[in-house]
Protein backbone atom coordinates (compact mmCIF):
# COMPACT_ATOMS: atom_id res chain seq x y z
CA MET A 1 68.47 24.38 29.91
CA LYS A 2 65.05 23.44 29.17
CA ASN A 3 62.64 26.09 27.58
CA VAL A 4 60.43 27.78 29.86
CA PHE A 5 57.37 26.85 27.87
CA LYS A 6 58.30 23.25 27.77
CA GLN A 7 58.82 23.11 31.45
CA VAL A 8 55.35 24.59 32.02
CA GLU A 9 53.62 22.19 29.69
CA GLU A 10 55.30 19.13 31.35
CA ASN A 11 54.27 20.80 34.80
CA ILE A 12 50.63 21.24 33.78
CA ASP A 13 50.57 17.72 32.16
CA ARG A 14 51.63 16.26 35.61
CA LEU A 15 49.11 18.17 37.54
CA ALA A 16 46.37 17.27 35.13
CA ASP A 17 47.51 13.52 35.47
CA ALA A 18 47.15 14.30 39.31
CA ASP A 19 43.75 15.37 38.76
CA VAL A 20 44.17 18.55 40.64
CA ASN A 21 40.92 20.41 41.48
CA TRP A 22 41.24 23.23 38.87
CA SER A 23 41.63 20.76 36.09
CA GLN A 24 38.00 19.05 36.55
CA PRO A 25 35.86 19.06 33.59
CA ALA A 26 32.39 20.30 33.65
CA THR A 27 29.60 18.46 35.31
CA SER A 28 26.41 17.28 33.45
CA LYS A 29 24.60 19.86 35.48
CA GLN A 30 26.79 22.61 34.37
CA LEU A 31 26.47 21.69 30.71
CA GLN A 32 22.77 21.38 31.06
CA SER A 33 22.36 24.88 32.64
CA ALA A 34 24.52 26.26 29.83
CA ARG A 35 22.37 24.74 27.23
CA GLU A 36 19.19 26.28 28.87
CA GLY A 37 20.95 29.63 28.65
CA LYS A 38 21.95 29.89 32.48
CA LEU A 39 25.66 30.02 31.95
CA ALA A 40 27.73 30.48 35.29
CA LEU A 41 31.31 30.15 33.94
CA PRO A 42 33.94 29.10 36.49
CA PHE A 43 37.04 31.23 36.13
CA GLY A 44 39.78 30.46 38.31
CA PRO A 45 39.62 28.54 41.59
CA SER A 46 37.31 30.81 43.42
CA SER A 47 35.59 33.12 40.78
CA THR A 48 32.67 33.01 38.19
CA ILE A 49 32.34 35.21 35.15
CA PRO A 50 28.88 37.20 35.55
CA SER A 51 26.73 36.13 32.79
CA GLU A 52 25.81 39.85 32.05
CA TRP A 53 29.52 39.92 30.95
CA LEU A 54 29.15 37.27 28.48
CA GLY A 55 25.78 38.02 26.85
CA ASP A 56 24.15 35.96 24.37
CA LEU A 57 27.02 33.77 23.10
CA ARG A 58 24.97 31.89 20.15
CA GLY A 59 27.01 32.20 17.18
CA LYS A 60 29.87 34.20 18.89
CA LYS A 61 33.39 33.15 18.11
CA VAL A 62 35.29 32.47 21.34
CA LEU A 63 38.96 31.63 22.01
CA CYS A 64 39.59 29.92 25.34
CA LEU A 65 43.38 31.10 25.68
CA ALA A 66 45.29 28.76 27.89
CA GLY A 67 41.93 27.69 28.98
CA ALA A 68 41.81 23.65 28.32
CA GLY A 69 40.50 21.16 30.88
CA GLY A 70 37.28 20.23 29.76
CA LEU A 71 35.33 22.97 31.76
CA GLN A 72 35.01 26.42 29.86
CA ALA A 73 35.05 25.36 26.19
CA PRO A 74 32.41 22.54 26.59
CA MET A 75 30.27 25.05 28.69
CA LEU A 76 30.62 27.84 26.39
CA ALA A 77 29.91 25.38 23.25
CA CYS A 78 26.91 24.42 25.12
CA ALA A 79 25.74 27.98 25.28
CA GLY A 80 26.00 27.98 21.63
CA ALA A 81 29.31 29.89 21.01
CA GLU A 82 31.89 28.62 18.28
CA VAL A 83 34.61 27.57 20.55
CA THR A 84 38.57 27.44 19.91
CA VAL A 85 40.68 26.21 22.85
CA LEU A 86 44.55 26.84 22.79
CA ASP A 87 46.66 25.33 25.35
CA LEU A 88 50.21 24.11 26.05
CA SER A 89 49.21 20.88 27.72
CA GLU A 90 48.04 18.00 25.69
CA ARG A 91 46.58 16.38 28.98
CA MET A 92 44.46 19.45 29.57
CA LEU A 93 43.43 19.52 25.91
CA ASP A 94 42.58 15.63 26.07
CA ARG A 95 39.99 16.49 28.67
CA ASP A 96 38.33 18.91 26.22
CA ARG A 97 38.44 16.28 23.27
CA GLU A 98 36.89 13.71 25.75
CA MET A 99 34.13 16.19 26.86
CA ALA A 100 33.44 17.04 23.10
CA ALA A 101 33.19 13.69 22.14
CA GLN A 102 31.10 12.54 24.94
CA GLU A 103 28.74 15.57 24.66
CA GLY A 104 28.69 15.79 20.80
CA LEU A 105 30.13 19.27 20.99
CA ASP A 106 31.94 21.00 18.08
CA ILE A 107 35.03 22.48 19.66
CA ARG A 108 38.20 23.42 17.95
CA ILE A 109 41.11 22.25 19.71
CA GLU A 110 44.73 23.51 19.20
CA HIS A 111 47.93 22.68 21.01
CA GLY A 112 50.06 25.80 21.13
CA ASN A 113 51.52 28.81 22.98
CA MET A 114 49.46 31.51 23.88
CA CYS A 115 52.35 34.02 22.93
CA ASP A 116 51.84 33.01 19.16
CA LEU A 117 48.42 33.38 17.76
CA SER A 118 49.70 33.48 14.34
CA ARG A 119 47.60 30.37 13.07
CA PHE A 120 44.52 32.87 13.75
CA ALA A 121 43.65 35.52 11.30
CA ASP A 122 43.12 39.18 12.44
CA GLY A 123 39.95 39.75 13.86
CA SER A 124 38.91 36.00 14.37
CA PHE A 125 37.10 36.17 17.70
CA ASP A 126 34.32 38.14 19.21
CA LEU A 127 35.65 37.03 22.94
CA VAL A 128 38.96 35.85 24.29
CA LEU A 129 38.79 34.17 27.67
CA ASN A 130 42.01 33.81 29.62
CA PRO A 131 41.83 32.02 32.99
CA PRO A 132 44.83 32.27 35.42
CA SER A 133 47.74 31.38 33.32
CA LEU A 134 49.89 34.85 32.56
CA PHE A 135 52.11 34.15 35.50
CA TYR A 136 53.64 31.36 33.34
CA VAL A 137 54.66 33.94 30.74
CA PRO A 138 58.14 35.60 31.17
CA ASP A 139 56.91 38.66 29.09
CA VAL A 140 52.94 39.12 28.67
CA THR A 141 53.39 41.87 25.86
CA PRO A 142 53.33 39.25 22.94
CA VAL A 143 50.13 37.75 24.63
CA PHE A 144 48.36 41.15 24.76
CA ARG A 145 49.46 42.23 21.21
CA GLU A 146 48.37 38.82 19.80
CA VAL A 147 44.80 39.01 21.67
CA TYR A 148 44.22 42.72 20.30
CA ARG A 149 45.12 41.48 16.81
CA VAL A 150 42.73 38.29 16.95
CA LEU A 151 39.85 40.17 18.56
CA LYS A 152 37.28 41.60 16.24
CA LYS A 153 36.58 45.40 16.54
CA GLY A 154 34.37 45.83 19.68
CA GLY A 155 35.51 42.29 20.87
CA SER A 156 35.91 41.58 24.48
CA PHE A 157 39.02 40.11 26.33
CA ILE A 158 38.49 38.76 30.00
CA MET A 159 41.31 37.53 31.86
CA VAL A 160 42.34 36.63 35.46
CA SER A 161 46.02 37.13 36.23
């Protein structure tokens, strides 16, 4: 029997290759707005994170957890954040790589499982963003434990289930 995470990776890669709507990268207009300090960050198929939840992102360390696809990480980088994106899907990570190269953005791109953040030190991030993805995880306890560990004291975790 195939490992559940390997199956999820293959499924997401297939959906990215099929160019489903939620796998679309940021537009030039969205990136320019983020550069101008007017960040409207799409988060899931029909929601946007209120800008007041994010505050001033300049110099903040942000982890996009299972959030690859060329949308959130590039927009956050344009807003001045130091962004790391971690995802199971290489195809979705390729979209972040393409956007980073195209826009001259410095985004740390990591292939991996959101249940294991051991590659990151304790207190590494000011903000962790997790778009809809927890339904792929059989037990969310390791995810929450790891997010708590990698967040700086007073950091924020924004997720959509």
